[in-house]
């Protein structure tokens, strides 16, 4: 009989505790103000942590007794909210600044044909050039509008690297291609392998990547025919 009475007391105690917790769990707290019921205080705390592009905020409802000890109230009121923060990412911009043409002096090809070398007749023209050869072109557009498809150039073979100057247009071989490139010399340098020429197409915004060696040069353009 004593065991039965003790069991009933325990059941009543458990039920009473559950009812108390349920009553507390339905306490509405729509604001951040502290609410006081009897000797107990209920209040909320919010903690926010930034994580990458979002901010995660955790809101917790606490119960505090008269001894100033606060205990989290297990009411299911702990929430998580994701607040997405706009982040502007500027894409990489490639801007090519081109110098305006104002008529200033620019390197030009060296004059290799004298007036006395040109003879004009009523039915023909003769230009006295030694060791000359001619070249036709594909439609590459790299030297437009000076040289294009259908253009014919006259070239001479230089004897020494010093015969080539900045501003000259040269024909040269490039590994992997079965035809010669014809571009303008924009710079002359020297490294551990000797003299090299930096070239660039007149119709292209940047210099060619390869260092042109003298052994690869087929000729210097001395005449352009249309």
N, C-alpha and C. Protein backbone atom coordinates (compact mmCIF):
# COMPACT_ATOMS: atom_id res chain seq x y z
N UNK A 1 0.84 -1.21 0.00
CA UNK A 1 0.00 0.00 0.00
C UNK A 1 0.87 1.25 0.00
N UNK A 2 1.94 1.20 0.80
CA UNK A 2 2.84 2.36 0.85
C UNK A 2 3.48 2.61 -0.50
N UNK A 3 3.84 1.50 -1.20
CA UNK A 3 4.44 1.66 -2.53
C UNK A 3 3.46 2.29 -3.50
N UNK A 4 2.19 1.93 -3.39
CA UNK A 4 1.16 2.49 -4.28
C UNK A 4 1.00 3.98 -4.05
N UNK A 5 0.98 4.37 -2.78
CA UNK A 5 0.84 5.80 -2.46
C UNK A 5 2.05 6.59 -2.95
N UNK A 6 3.26 6.00 -2.77
CA UNK A 6 4.48 6.67 -3.23
C UNK A 6 4.47 6.84 -4.74
N UNK A 7 3.96 5.81 -5.47
CA UNK A 7 3.90 5.90 -6.93
C UNK A 7 2.96 7.00 -7.37
N UNK A 8 1.80 7.12 -6.71
CA UNK A 8 0.83 8.17 -7.06
C UNK A 8 1.44 9.56 -6.83
N UNK A 9 2.19 9.70 -5.74
CA UNK A 9 2.82 10.99 -5.44
C UNK A 9 3.81 11.37 -6.53
N UNK A 10 4.61 10.40 -6.98
CA UNK A 10 5.59 10.68 -8.04
C UNK A 10 4.91 11.06 -9.33
N UNK A 11 3.82 10.34 -9.67
CA UNK A 11 3.09 10.66 -10.92
C UNK A 11 2.53 12.06 -10.85
N UNK A 12 1.93 12.43 -9.73
CA UNK A 12 1.37 13.78 -9.58
C UNK A 12 2.46 14.83 -9.68
N UNK A 13 3.63 14.55 -9.11
CA UNK A 13 4.73 15.51 -9.17
C UNK A 13 5.21 15.72 -10.60
N UNK A 14 5.31 14.63 -11.37
CA UNK A 14 5.76 14.73 -12.76
C UNK A 14 4.74 15.49 -13.59
N UNK A 15 3.45 15.15 -13.40
CA UNK A 15 2.39 15.85 -14.15
C UNK A 15 2.38 17.33 -13.82
N UNK A 16 2.55 17.66 -12.56
CA UNK A 16 2.57 19.07 -12.17
C UNK A 16 3.71 19.82 -12.81
N UNK A 17 4.90 19.18 -12.87
CA UNK A 17 6.06 19.82 -13.51
C UNK A 17 5.81 20.05 -14.98
N UNK A 18 5.22 19.04 -15.68
CA UNK A 18 4.94 19.17 -17.11
C UNK A 18 3.94 20.28 -17.37
N UNK A 19 2.91 20.40 -16.55
CA UNK A 19 1.93 21.46 -16.72
C UNK A 19 2.57 22.83 -16.53
N UNK A 20 3.52 22.92 -15.59
CA UNK A 20 4.19 24.20 -15.37
C UNK A 20 5.02 24.60 -16.57
N UNK A 21 5.73 23.62 -17.13
CA UNK A 21 6.56 23.91 -18.30
C UNK A 21 5.72 24.29 -19.50
N UNK A 22 4.58 23.57 -19.67
CA UNK A 22 3.69 23.89 -20.80
C UNK A 22 3.15 25.29 -20.66
N UNK A 23 2.75 25.66 -19.45
CA UNK A 23 2.21 27.01 -19.25
C UNK A 23 3.27 28.06 -19.55
N UNK A 24 4.54 27.76 -19.20
CA UNK A 24 5.60 28.71 -19.47
C UNK A 24 5.91 28.79 -20.96
N UNK A 25 5.78 27.66 -21.68
CA UNK A 25 6.14 27.64 -23.09
C UNK A 25 5.21 28.48 -23.94
N UNK A 26 4.08 28.80 -23.50
CA UNK A 26 3.14 29.59 -24.28
C UNK A 26 3.10 31.05 -23.86
N UNK A 27 4.12 31.48 -23.13
CA UNK A 27 4.20 32.88 -22.78
C UNK A 27 4.56 33.67 -24.03
N UNK A 28 3.76 34.62 -24.42
CA UNK A 28 4.03 35.43 -25.61
C UNK A 28 4.96 36.58 -25.24
N UNK A 29 5.95 36.77 -26.04
CA UNK A 29 6.91 37.85 -25.80
C UNK A 29 7.27 38.44 -27.15
N UNK A 30 6.40 39.27 -27.69
CA UNK A 30 6.58 39.83 -29.02
C UNK A 30 7.52 41.03 -29.04
N UNK A 31 7.97 41.45 -27.87
CA UNK A 31 8.88 42.59 -27.81
C UNK A 31 10.11 42.19 -27.02
N UNK A 32 11.03 43.12 -26.92
CA UNK A 32 12.25 42.85 -26.17
C UNK A 32 12.13 43.27 -24.71
N UNK A 33 10.96 43.73 -24.29
CA UNK A 33 10.79 44.16 -22.90
C UNK A 33 10.82 42.95 -21.97
N UNK A 34 11.32 43.16 -20.75
CA UNK A 34 11.36 42.10 -19.75
C UNK A 34 9.97 41.92 -19.16
N UNK A 35 9.51 40.66 -19.05
CA UNK A 35 8.22 40.37 -18.44
C UNK A 35 8.44 39.70 -17.09
N UNK A 36 7.64 40.07 -16.13
CA UNK A 36 7.79 39.53 -14.78
C UNK A 36 6.50 38.83 -14.40
N UNK A 37 6.63 37.58 -14.00
CA UNK A 37 5.50 36.82 -13.48
C UNK A 37 5.90 36.30 -12.11
N UNK A 38 5.26 36.82 -11.10
CA UNK A 38 5.60 36.41 -9.76
C UNK A 38 7.02 36.82 -9.45
N UNK A 39 7.84 35.86 -9.10
CA UNK A 39 9.23 36.13 -8.78
C UNK A 39 10.18 35.80 -9.94
N UNK A 40 9.58 35.54 -11.13
CA UNK A 40 10.38 35.14 -12.29
C UNK A 40 10.37 36.23 -13.35
N UNK A 41 11.50 36.39 -14.03
CA UNK A 41 11.60 37.34 -15.14
C UNK A 41 11.90 36.57 -16.42
N UNK A 42 11.24 37.00 -17.51
CA UNK A 42 11.47 36.40 -18.82
C UNK A 42 12.03 37.47 -19.76
N UNK A 43 13.09 37.17 -20.45
CA UNK A 43 13.68 38.13 -21.38
C UNK A 43 14.38 37.39 -22.53
N UNK A 44 14.60 38.13 -23.62
CA UNK A 44 15.23 37.55 -24.81
C UNK A 44 16.62 38.17 -25.03
N UNK A 45 17.51 37.33 -25.54
CA UNK A 45 18.82 37.80 -25.97
C UNK A 45 19.06 37.35 -27.41
N UNK A 46 19.65 38.24 -28.18
CA UNK A 46 19.92 37.93 -29.59
C UNK A 46 21.42 38.05 -29.85
N UNK A 47 21.96 37.02 -30.48
CA UNK A 47 23.38 36.99 -30.83
C UNK A 47 23.48 36.79 -32.34
N UNK A 48 24.22 37.69 -33.02
CA UNK A 48 24.37 37.61 -34.47
C UNK A 48 25.83 37.38 -34.82
N UNK A 49 26.04 36.48 -35.77
CA UNK A 49 27.40 36.16 -36.23
C UNK A 49 27.44 36.25 -37.74
N UNK A 50 28.41 37.00 -38.27
CA UNK A 50 28.57 37.11 -39.72
C UNK A 50 29.34 35.91 -40.24
N UNK A 51 28.84 35.32 -41.30
CA UNK A 51 29.47 34.15 -41.91
C UNK A 51 29.44 34.30 -43.42
N UNK A 52 30.56 34.78 -43.99
CA UNK A 52 30.62 34.95 -45.44
C UNK A 52 29.67 36.03 -45.90
N UNK A 53 28.69 35.63 -46.71
CA UNK A 53 27.75 36.60 -47.28
C UNK A 53 26.46 36.70 -46.47
N UNK A 54 26.36 36.02 -45.31
CA UNK A 54 25.14 36.06 -44.55
C UNK A 54 25.42 36.35 -43.08
N UNK A 55 24.39 36.81 -42.39
CA UNK A 55 24.47 37.03 -40.95
C UNK A 55 23.44 36.13 -40.29
N UNK A 56 23.89 35.26 -39.37
CA UNK A 56 23.00 34.33 -38.68
C UNK A 56 22.74 34.85 -37.27
N UNK A 57 21.46 35.09 -36.99
CA UNK A 57 21.07 35.60 -35.67
C UNK A 57 20.33 34.52 -34.89
N UNK A 58 20.71 34.34 -33.62
CA UNK A 58 20.05 33.37 -32.74
C UNK A 58 19.36 34.12 -31.62
N UNK A 59 18.05 33.91 -31.48
CA UNK A 59 17.26 34.57 -30.44
C UNK A 59 16.87 33.53 -29.40
N UNK A 60 17.20 33.77 -28.12
CA UNK A 60 16.93 32.81 -27.05
C UNK A 60 16.12 33.47 -25.94
N UNK A 61 15.07 32.78 -25.47
CA UNK A 61 14.25 33.27 -24.36
C UNK A 61 14.78 32.68 -23.05
N UNK A 62 15.05 33.56 -22.09
CA UNK A 62 15.60 33.13 -20.81
C UNK A 62 14.59 33.36 -19.70
N UNK A 63 14.72 32.53 -18.64
CA UNK A 63 13.96 32.74 -17.40
C UNK A 63 14.97 33.00 -16.29
N UNK A 64 14.68 34.01 -15.48
CA UNK A 64 15.62 34.39 -14.43
C UNK A 64 14.86 34.49 -13.13
N UNK A 65 15.42 33.85 -12.09
CA UNK A 65 14.75 33.89 -10.78
C UNK A 65 15.31 35.02 -9.94
N UNK A 66 14.88 35.08 -8.74
CA UNK A 66 15.28 36.18 -7.88
C UNK A 66 16.74 36.17 -7.51
N UNK A 67 17.43 35.04 -7.68
CA UNK A 67 18.85 34.96 -7.35
C UNK A 67 19.75 35.41 -8.50
N UNK A 68 19.15 36.03 -9.49
CA UNK A 68 19.89 36.56 -10.65
C UNK A 68 20.56 35.47 -11.50
N UNK A 69 20.07 34.24 -11.36
CA UNK A 69 20.58 33.17 -12.21
C UNK A 69 19.65 32.99 -13.40
N UNK A 70 20.21 33.08 -14.60
CA UNK A 70 19.35 32.96 -15.78
C UNK A 70 19.53 31.56 -16.38
N UNK A 71 18.42 31.00 -16.77
CA UNK A 71 18.40 29.64 -17.32
C UNK A 71 17.64 29.68 -18.63
N UNK A 72 18.19 29.09 -19.70
CA UNK A 72 17.44 29.06 -20.97
C UNK A 72 16.12 28.34 -20.80
N UNK A 73 15.08 28.93 -21.29
CA UNK A 73 13.75 28.37 -21.18
C UNK A 73 13.50 27.46 -22.38
N UNK A 74 13.32 26.18 -22.18
CA UNK A 74 13.16 25.22 -23.26
C UNK A 74 11.73 25.28 -23.81
N UNK A 75 11.49 26.30 -24.58
CA UNK A 75 10.14 26.50 -25.10
C UNK A 75 10.08 26.36 -26.61
N UNK A 76 11.20 26.09 -27.24
CA UNK A 76 11.20 26.04 -28.70
C UNK A 76 11.24 27.41 -29.33
N UNK A 77 11.50 28.43 -28.54
CA UNK A 77 11.48 29.80 -29.05
C UNK A 77 12.84 30.24 -29.59
N UNK A 78 13.85 29.35 -29.52
CA UNK A 78 15.15 29.68 -30.11
C UNK A 78 15.02 29.59 -31.63
N UNK A 79 15.29 30.67 -32.34
CA UNK A 79 15.09 30.71 -33.78
C UNK A 79 16.39 31.10 -34.46
N UNK A 80 16.48 30.79 -35.74
CA UNK A 80 17.62 31.18 -36.56
C UNK A 80 17.08 31.89 -37.79
N UNK A 81 17.62 33.05 -38.05
CA UNK A 81 17.22 33.82 -39.22
C UNK A 81 18.46 34.10 -40.05
N UNK A 82 18.32 33.95 -41.35
CA UNK A 82 19.41 34.26 -42.26
C UNK A 82 19.12 35.60 -42.93
N UNK A 83 20.01 36.53 -42.73
CA UNK A 83 19.88 37.85 -43.33
C UNK A 83 20.99 37.97 -44.37
N UNK A 84 20.62 37.97 -45.66
CA UNK A 84 21.62 38.03 -46.72
C UNK A 84 22.03 39.47 -46.97
N UNK A 85 23.33 39.69 -46.92
CA UNK A 85 23.88 41.02 -47.12
C UNK A 85 24.38 41.12 -48.56
N UNK A 86 23.91 42.13 -49.26
CA UNK A 86 24.31 42.31 -50.65
C UNK A 86 25.78 42.64 -50.73
N UNK A 87 26.48 41.93 -51.57
CA UNK A 87 27.90 42.18 -51.76
C UNK A 87 28.14 42.43 -53.24
N UNK A 88 28.71 43.59 -53.54
CA UNK A 88 28.95 43.94 -54.93
C UNK A 88 30.36 43.52 -55.31
N UNK A 89 30.47 42.68 -56.33
CA UNK A 89 31.76 42.21 -56.81
C UNK A 89 31.96 42.77 -58.22
N UNK A 90 32.96 43.59 -58.36
CA UNK A 90 33.23 44.19 -59.66
C UNK A 90 34.04 43.21 -60.50
N UNK A 91 33.51 42.90 -61.68
CA UNK A 91 34.22 42.00 -62.57
C UNK A 91 35.50 42.65 -63.08
N UNK A 92 36.45 41.79 -63.40
CA UNK A 92 37.72 42.30 -63.90
C UNK A 92 37.50 43.04 -65.21
N UNK A 93 38.01 44.20 -65.27
CA UNK A 93 37.88 45.00 -66.49
C UNK A 93 39.24 45.13 -67.16
N UNK A 94 39.24 44.91 -68.44
CA UNK A 94 40.46 45.09 -69.22
C UNK A 94 40.25 46.28 -70.13
N UNK A 95 40.98 47.31 -69.87
CA UNK A 95 40.83 48.55 -70.63
C UNK A 95 42.13 48.82 -71.36
N UNK A 96 42.00 48.93 -72.64
CA UNK A 96 43.17 49.25 -73.45
C UNK A 96 43.16 50.74 -73.75
N UNK A 97 44.16 51.40 -73.27
CA UNK A 97 44.26 52.83 -73.50
C UNK A 97 45.05 53.07 -74.78
N UNK A 98 44.42 53.72 -75.69
CA UNK A 98 45.08 54.02 -76.95
C UNK A 98 45.41 55.50 -77.03
N UNK A 99 46.61 55.76 -77.45
CA UNK A 99 47.03 57.14 -77.59
C UNK A 99 46.41 57.74 -78.84
N UNK A 100 45.86 58.91 -78.70
CA UNK A 100 45.28 59.58 -79.85
C UNK A 100 46.36 60.00 -80.84
N UNK A 101 46.02 59.84 -82.10
CA UNK A 101 46.96 60.22 -83.14
C UNK A 101 46.87 61.73 -83.37
N UNK A 102 47.94 62.41 -83.06
CA UNK A 102 47.95 63.87 -83.18
C UNK A 102 48.95 64.34 -84.22
N UNK A 103 49.43 63.40 -85.06
CA UNK A 103 50.34 63.79 -86.11
C UNK A 103 51.79 63.88 -85.68
N UNK A 104 52.12 63.33 -84.50
CA UNK A 104 53.50 63.41 -84.04
C UNK A 104 54.37 62.41 -84.80
N UNK A 105 55.65 62.61 -84.74
CA UNK A 105 56.60 61.75 -85.45
C UNK A 105 56.61 60.34 -84.87
N UNK A 106 56.60 59.33 -85.77
CA UNK A 106 56.68 57.93 -85.36
C UNK A 106 57.75 57.25 -86.20
N UNK A 107 58.37 56.18 -85.66
CA UNK A 107 59.43 55.50 -86.42
C UNK A 107 58.90 54.97 -87.75
N UNK A 108 59.59 55.26 -88.80
CA UNK A 108 59.21 54.82 -90.14
C UNK A 108 60.30 53.92 -90.71
N UNK A 109 59.97 53.13 -91.76
CA UNK A 109 60.99 52.30 -92.38
C UNK A 109 62.14 53.14 -92.92
N UNK A 110 63.33 52.57 -92.85
CA UNK A 110 64.51 53.24 -93.40
C UNK A 110 64.39 53.32 -94.92
N UNK A 111 64.77 54.47 -95.48
CA UNK A 111 64.71 54.67 -96.94
C UNK A 111 65.87 53.94 -97.60
N UNK A 112 65.57 52.85 -98.30
CA UNK A 112 66.62 52.03 -98.91
C UNK A 112 66.65 52.14 -100.43
N UNK A 113 65.70 52.80 -101.02
CA UNK A 113 65.64 52.97 -102.47
C UNK A 113 65.81 54.44 -102.80
N UNK A 114 66.82 54.74 -103.57
CA UNK A 114 67.09 56.13 -103.97
C UNK A 114 66.22 56.49 -105.18
N UNK A 115 66.04 57.79 -105.36
CA UNK A 115 65.25 58.24 -106.51
C UNK A 115 65.86 57.77 -107.82
N UNK A 116 67.20 57.69 -107.84
CA UNK A 116 67.88 57.27 -109.07
C UNK A 116 67.66 55.79 -109.40
N UNK A 117 67.15 55.04 -108.41
CA UNK A 117 66.89 53.61 -108.65
C UNK A 117 65.56 53.37 -109.35
N UNK A 118 64.73 54.41 -109.41
CA UNK A 118 63.40 54.27 -110.00
C UNK A 118 63.39 54.89 -111.40
N UNK A 119 63.00 54.10 -112.38
CA UNK A 119 62.94 54.56 -113.76
C UNK A 119 61.53 54.31 -114.30
N UNK A 120 60.87 55.39 -114.68
CA UNK A 120 59.50 55.30 -115.16
C UNK A 120 59.49 55.57 -116.66
N UNK A 121 58.88 54.61 -117.39
CA UNK A 121 58.77 54.74 -118.83
C UNK A 121 57.30 54.84 -119.21
N UNK A 122 57.04 55.08 -120.46
CA UNK A 122 55.67 55.23 -120.92
C UNK A 122 54.87 53.94 -120.79
N UNK A 123 55.55 52.83 -120.88
CA UNK A 123 54.83 51.56 -120.82
C UNK A 123 55.33 50.62 -119.71
N UNK A 124 56.20 51.11 -118.84
CA UNK A 124 56.71 50.25 -117.77
C UNK A 124 57.42 51.08 -116.71
N UNK A 125 57.66 50.40 -115.57
CA UNK A 125 58.42 51.01 -114.47
C UNK A 125 59.51 50.03 -114.07
N UNK A 126 60.71 50.54 -113.90
CA UNK A 126 61.81 49.69 -113.49
C UNK A 126 62.45 50.25 -112.22
N UNK A 127 62.57 49.36 -111.23
CA UNK A 127 63.22 49.75 -109.96
C UNK A 127 64.44 48.86 -109.79
N UNK A 128 65.57 49.49 -109.70
CA UNK A 128 66.81 48.73 -109.57
C UNK A 128 67.06 48.34 -108.11
N UNK A 129 66.75 47.09 -107.77
CA UNK A 129 66.95 46.58 -106.42
C UNK A 129 67.69 45.25 -106.52
N UNK A 130 68.78 45.13 -105.85
CA UNK A 130 69.56 43.90 -105.88
C UNK A 130 69.03 42.90 -104.86
N UNK A 131 69.07 41.62 -105.25
CA UNK A 131 68.67 40.51 -104.38
C UNK A 131 67.23 40.69 -103.85
N UNK A 132 66.35 41.13 -104.70
CA UNK A 132 64.96 41.37 -104.30
C UNK A 132 64.08 40.15 -104.58
N UNK A 133 63.02 40.05 -103.83
CA UNK A 133 61.99 39.04 -104.09
C UNK A 133 60.63 39.64 -103.73
N UNK A 134 59.57 39.02 -104.21
CA UNK A 134 58.23 39.56 -103.95
C UNK A 134 57.43 38.58 -103.10
N UNK A 135 56.35 39.08 -102.48
CA UNK A 135 55.52 38.24 -101.60
C UNK A 135 54.05 38.66 -101.74
N UNK A 136 53.17 37.69 -101.73
CA UNK A 136 51.72 37.95 -101.70
C UNK A 136 51.20 37.62 -100.30
N UNK A 137 49.96 38.01 -100.00
CA UNK A 137 49.47 37.93 -98.61
C UNK A 137 48.10 37.27 -98.51
N UNK A 138 47.89 36.64 -97.35
CA UNK A 138 46.58 36.11 -97.02
C UNK A 138 45.79 37.19 -96.28
N UNK A 139 44.52 36.93 -96.01
CA UNK A 139 43.66 37.92 -95.35
C UNK A 139 43.74 37.77 -93.83
N UNK A 140 44.87 38.18 -93.24
CA UNK A 140 45.06 38.03 -91.79
C UNK A 140 44.60 39.25 -91.00
N UNK A 141 44.53 40.40 -91.67
CA UNK A 141 44.07 41.67 -91.06
C UNK A 141 45.05 42.29 -90.07
N UNK A 142 46.16 41.63 -89.78
CA UNK A 142 47.06 42.15 -88.74
C UNK A 142 47.77 43.43 -89.16
N UNK A 143 47.90 43.65 -90.47
CA UNK A 143 48.59 44.86 -90.94
C UNK A 143 47.65 45.79 -91.72
N UNK A 144 46.35 45.57 -91.55
CA UNK A 144 45.39 46.48 -92.20
C UNK A 144 45.60 47.90 -91.68
N UNK A 145 45.39 48.92 -92.50
CA UNK A 145 45.03 48.86 -93.92
C UNK A 145 46.25 48.91 -94.86
N UNK A 146 47.44 48.91 -94.27
CA UNK A 146 48.63 49.05 -95.10
C UNK A 146 48.85 47.83 -96.00
N UNK A 147 48.74 46.65 -95.40
CA UNK A 147 48.94 45.40 -96.15
C UNK A 147 47.73 44.51 -95.93
N UNK A 148 47.15 44.02 -97.02
CA UNK A 148 45.95 43.19 -96.93
C UNK A 148 46.00 42.16 -98.04
N UNK A 149 44.97 41.34 -98.09
CA UNK A 149 44.90 40.32 -99.14
C UNK A 149 44.93 40.98 -100.51
N UNK A 150 45.77 40.46 -101.40
CA UNK A 150 45.92 41.04 -102.72
C UNK A 150 47.10 41.97 -102.85
N UNK A 151 47.65 42.38 -101.72
CA UNK A 151 48.82 43.26 -101.73
C UNK A 151 50.07 42.47 -102.12
N UNK A 152 50.98 43.12 -102.82
CA UNK A 152 52.27 42.52 -103.17
C UNK A 152 53.37 43.38 -102.59
N UNK A 153 54.30 42.74 -101.91
CA UNK A 153 55.44 43.49 -101.35
C UNK A 153 56.73 43.06 -102.03
N UNK A 154 57.69 43.96 -102.01
CA UNK A 154 59.04 43.67 -102.49
C UNK A 154 59.97 43.71 -101.29
N UNK A 155 60.80 42.68 -101.17
CA UNK A 155 61.67 42.56 -100.01
C UNK A 155 63.12 42.38 -100.43
N UNK A 156 64.01 42.74 -99.51
CA UNK A 156 65.43 42.46 -99.69
C UNK A 156 65.92 41.72 -98.46
N UNK A 157 66.93 40.88 -98.65
CA UNK A 157 67.48 40.10 -97.55
C UNK A 157 68.57 40.90 -96.85
N UNK A 158 68.43 41.17 -95.53
CA UNK A 158 69.48 41.92 -94.82
C UNK A 158 70.72 41.04 -94.61
N UNK A 159 71.87 41.67 -94.62
CA UNK A 159 73.11 40.94 -94.38
C UNK A 159 73.42 40.81 -92.89
N UNK A 160 73.08 41.83 -92.12
CA UNK A 160 73.40 41.84 -90.70
C UNK A 160 72.17 42.26 -89.89
N UNK A 161 72.19 41.89 -88.61
CA UNK A 161 71.09 42.30 -87.73
C UNK A 161 71.01 43.81 -87.62
N UNK A 162 72.14 44.48 -87.73
CA UNK A 162 72.18 45.95 -87.63
C UNK A 162 71.51 46.62 -88.82
N UNK A 163 71.20 45.86 -89.88
CA UNK A 163 70.51 46.43 -91.04
C UNK A 163 69.02 46.67 -90.75
N UNK A 164 68.53 46.06 -89.68
CA UNK A 164 67.11 46.18 -89.33
C UNK A 164 66.95 47.26 -88.27
N UNK A 165 65.98 48.15 -88.49
CA UNK A 165 65.75 49.28 -87.57
C UNK A 165 64.31 49.29 -87.08
N UNK A 166 64.11 49.98 -85.96
CA UNK A 166 62.74 50.18 -85.46
C UNK A 166 61.95 50.96 -86.51
N UNK A 167 60.78 50.48 -86.82
CA UNK A 167 59.94 51.09 -87.85
C UNK A 167 59.93 50.29 -89.14
N UNK A 168 60.96 49.45 -89.35
CA UNK A 168 61.00 48.59 -90.53
C UNK A 168 59.90 47.52 -90.45
N UNK A 169 59.43 47.09 -91.60
CA UNK A 169 58.51 45.98 -91.69
C UNK A 169 59.31 44.78 -92.19
N UNK A 170 59.29 43.71 -91.42
CA UNK A 170 60.09 42.54 -91.77
C UNK A 170 59.21 41.31 -91.94
N UNK A 171 59.68 40.37 -92.75
CA UNK A 171 59.05 39.06 -92.89
C UNK A 171 59.93 38.07 -92.14
N UNK A 172 59.30 37.25 -91.31
CA UNK A 172 60.09 36.33 -90.48
C UNK A 172 59.32 35.04 -90.24
N UNK A 173 60.07 33.98 -89.96
CA UNK A 173 59.48 32.66 -89.71
C UNK A 173 59.12 32.50 -88.24
N UNK A 174 58.02 31.80 -87.99
CA UNK A 174 57.56 31.49 -86.64
C UNK A 174 57.32 29.99 -86.55
N UNK A 175 57.84 29.36 -85.51
CA UNK A 175 57.65 27.91 -85.33
C UNK A 175 56.17 27.56 -85.29
N UNK A 176 55.81 26.52 -86.04
CA UNK A 176 54.43 26.06 -86.05
C UNK A 176 53.60 26.61 -87.19
N UNK A 177 54.16 27.52 -87.98
CA UNK A 177 53.43 28.10 -89.11
C UNK A 177 54.19 27.80 -90.41
N UNK A 178 53.40 27.55 -91.47
CA UNK A 178 54.02 27.25 -92.76
C UNK A 178 54.10 28.48 -93.65
N UNK A 179 53.93 29.65 -93.07
CA UNK A 179 54.07 30.90 -93.80
C UNK A 179 54.76 31.92 -92.90
N UNK A 180 55.32 32.93 -93.51
CA UNK A 180 56.04 33.96 -92.75
C UNK A 180 55.08 35.02 -92.23
N UNK A 181 55.43 35.61 -91.09
CA UNK A 181 54.72 36.76 -90.57
C UNK A 181 55.37 38.03 -91.13
N UNK A 182 54.55 39.03 -91.42
CA UNK A 182 55.07 40.31 -91.89
C UNK A 182 54.53 41.40 -90.96
N UNK A 183 55.35 41.82 -90.01
CA UNK A 183 54.94 42.81 -89.01
C UNK A 183 56.03 43.86 -88.85
N UNK A 184 55.66 44.92 -88.15
CA UNK A 184 56.57 46.04 -87.96
C UNK A 184 57.45 45.85 -86.72
N UNK A 185 58.70 46.25 -86.82
CA UNK A 185 59.62 46.21 -85.67
C UNK A 185 59.33 47.41 -84.77
N UNK A 186 59.02 47.13 -83.51
CA UNK A 186 58.71 48.22 -82.57
C UNK A 186 59.76 48.36 -81.49
N UNK A 187 60.65 47.37 -81.39
CA UNK A 187 61.72 47.48 -80.39
C UNK A 187 62.83 46.49 -80.74
N UNK A 188 64.02 46.80 -80.30
CA UNK A 188 65.17 45.93 -80.50
C UNK A 188 65.85 45.72 -79.15
N UNK A 189 66.06 44.45 -78.79
CA UNK A 189 66.67 44.15 -77.50
C UNK A 189 67.81 43.16 -77.63
N UNK A 190 68.39 42.84 -76.49
CA UNK A 190 69.49 41.90 -76.48
C UNK A 190 69.45 41.10 -75.19
N UNK A 191 69.61 39.78 -75.29
CA UNK A 191 69.66 38.93 -74.12
C UNK A 191 70.82 37.95 -74.25
N UNK A 192 70.80 36.88 -73.44
CA UNK A 192 71.92 35.94 -73.45
C UNK A 192 72.08 35.22 -74.79
N UNK A 193 71.03 35.24 -75.61
CA UNK A 193 71.08 34.58 -76.92
C UNK A 193 71.38 35.56 -78.04
N UNK A 194 71.61 36.80 -77.72
CA UNK A 194 71.94 37.79 -78.73
C UNK A 194 70.82 38.78 -78.99
N UNK A 195 70.89 39.42 -80.14
CA UNK A 195 69.92 40.46 -80.51
C UNK A 195 68.58 39.82 -80.89
N UNK A 196 67.51 40.47 -80.50
CA UNK A 196 66.17 40.03 -80.91
C UNK A 196 65.32 41.25 -81.26
N UNK A 197 64.29 41.02 -82.05
CA UNK A 197 63.40 42.09 -82.49
C UNK A 197 62.00 41.83 -81.94
N UNK A 198 61.39 42.88 -81.43
CA UNK A 198 60.00 42.82 -80.99
C UNK A 198 59.13 43.40 -82.10
N UNK A 199 58.12 42.65 -82.50
CA UNK A 199 57.27 43.07 -83.62
C UNK A 199 55.83 43.25 -83.19
N UNK A 200 55.07 43.90 -84.06
CA UNK A 200 53.66 44.16 -83.77
C UNK A 200 52.93 44.43 -85.09
N UNK A 201 51.74 43.86 -85.22
CA UNK A 201 50.91 44.18 -86.37
C UNK A 201 50.34 45.58 -86.21
N UNK A 202 50.30 46.36 -87.27
CA UNK A 202 49.78 47.73 -87.18
C UNK A 202 48.32 47.76 -86.74
N UNK A 203 47.59 46.67 -87.00
CA UNK A 203 46.16 46.63 -86.70
C UNK A 203 45.87 45.81 -85.45
N UNK A 204 46.88 45.62 -84.59
CA UNK A 204 46.68 44.85 -83.37
C UNK A 204 47.13 45.68 -82.18
N UNK A 205 46.48 45.46 -81.02
CA UNK A 205 46.68 46.35 -79.88
C UNK A 205 47.93 46.04 -79.06
N UNK A 206 48.51 44.85 -79.23
CA UNK A 206 49.69 44.55 -78.41
C UNK A 206 50.78 43.90 -79.26
N UNK A 207 51.96 43.84 -78.67
CA UNK A 207 53.12 43.30 -79.37
C UNK A 207 53.03 41.79 -79.51
N UNK A 208 53.75 41.26 -80.50
CA UNK A 208 53.80 39.81 -80.69
C UNK A 208 54.58 39.17 -79.54
N UNK A 209 54.20 37.95 -79.13
CA UNK A 209 54.84 37.34 -77.96
C UNK A 209 56.24 36.79 -78.20
N UNK A 210 56.58 36.49 -79.47
CA UNK A 210 57.86 35.84 -79.75
C UNK A 210 58.98 36.85 -79.97
N UNK A 211 60.17 36.47 -79.50
CA UNK A 211 61.36 37.24 -79.81
C UNK A 211 61.87 36.79 -81.18
N UNK A 212 61.97 37.71 -82.11
CA UNK A 212 62.40 37.37 -83.47
C UNK A 212 63.92 37.47 -83.56
N UNK A 213 64.56 36.35 -83.91
CA UNK A 213 66.01 36.33 -84.07
C UNK A 213 66.37 36.63 -85.52
N UNK A 214 67.58 37.11 -85.72
CA UNK A 214 68.01 37.49 -87.06
C UNK A 214 67.97 36.30 -88.03
N UNK A 215 68.27 35.11 -87.55
CA UNK A 215 68.28 33.93 -88.41
C UNK A 215 66.89 33.60 -88.96
N UNK A 216 65.84 34.10 -88.29
CA UNK A 216 64.47 33.82 -88.72
C UNK A 216 63.94 34.87 -89.70
N UNK A 217 64.69 35.94 -89.91
CA UNK A 217 64.23 37.01 -90.78
C UNK A 217 64.44 36.64 -92.25
N UNK A 218 63.36 36.67 -93.03
CA UNK A 218 63.45 36.36 -94.47
C UNK A 218 63.72 37.62 -95.30
N UNK A 219 63.23 38.74 -94.84
CA UNK A 219 63.45 39.94 -95.64
C UNK A 219 62.90 41.19 -94.98
N UNK A 220 63.30 42.33 -95.53
CA UNK A 220 62.80 43.64 -95.12
C UNK A 220 61.96 44.19 -96.28
N UNK A 221 60.76 44.66 -95.95
CA UNK A 221 59.88 45.21 -96.97
C UNK A 221 60.40 46.56 -97.41
N UNK A 222 60.63 46.71 -98.73
CA UNK A 222 61.11 48.00 -99.28
C UNK A 222 60.11 48.57 -100.29
N UNK A 223 59.07 47.79 -100.60
CA UNK A 223 58.08 48.29 -101.54
C UNK A 223 56.75 47.60 -101.35
N UNK A 224 55.66 48.35 -101.49
CA UNK A 224 54.31 47.81 -101.36
C UNK A 224 53.52 48.18 -102.60
N UNK A 225 52.98 47.18 -103.27
CA UNK A 225 52.23 47.41 -104.51
C UNK A 225 50.78 46.98 -104.33
N UNK A 226 49.87 47.81 -104.86
CA UNK A 226 48.45 47.49 -104.75
C UNK A 226 47.88 47.25 -106.14
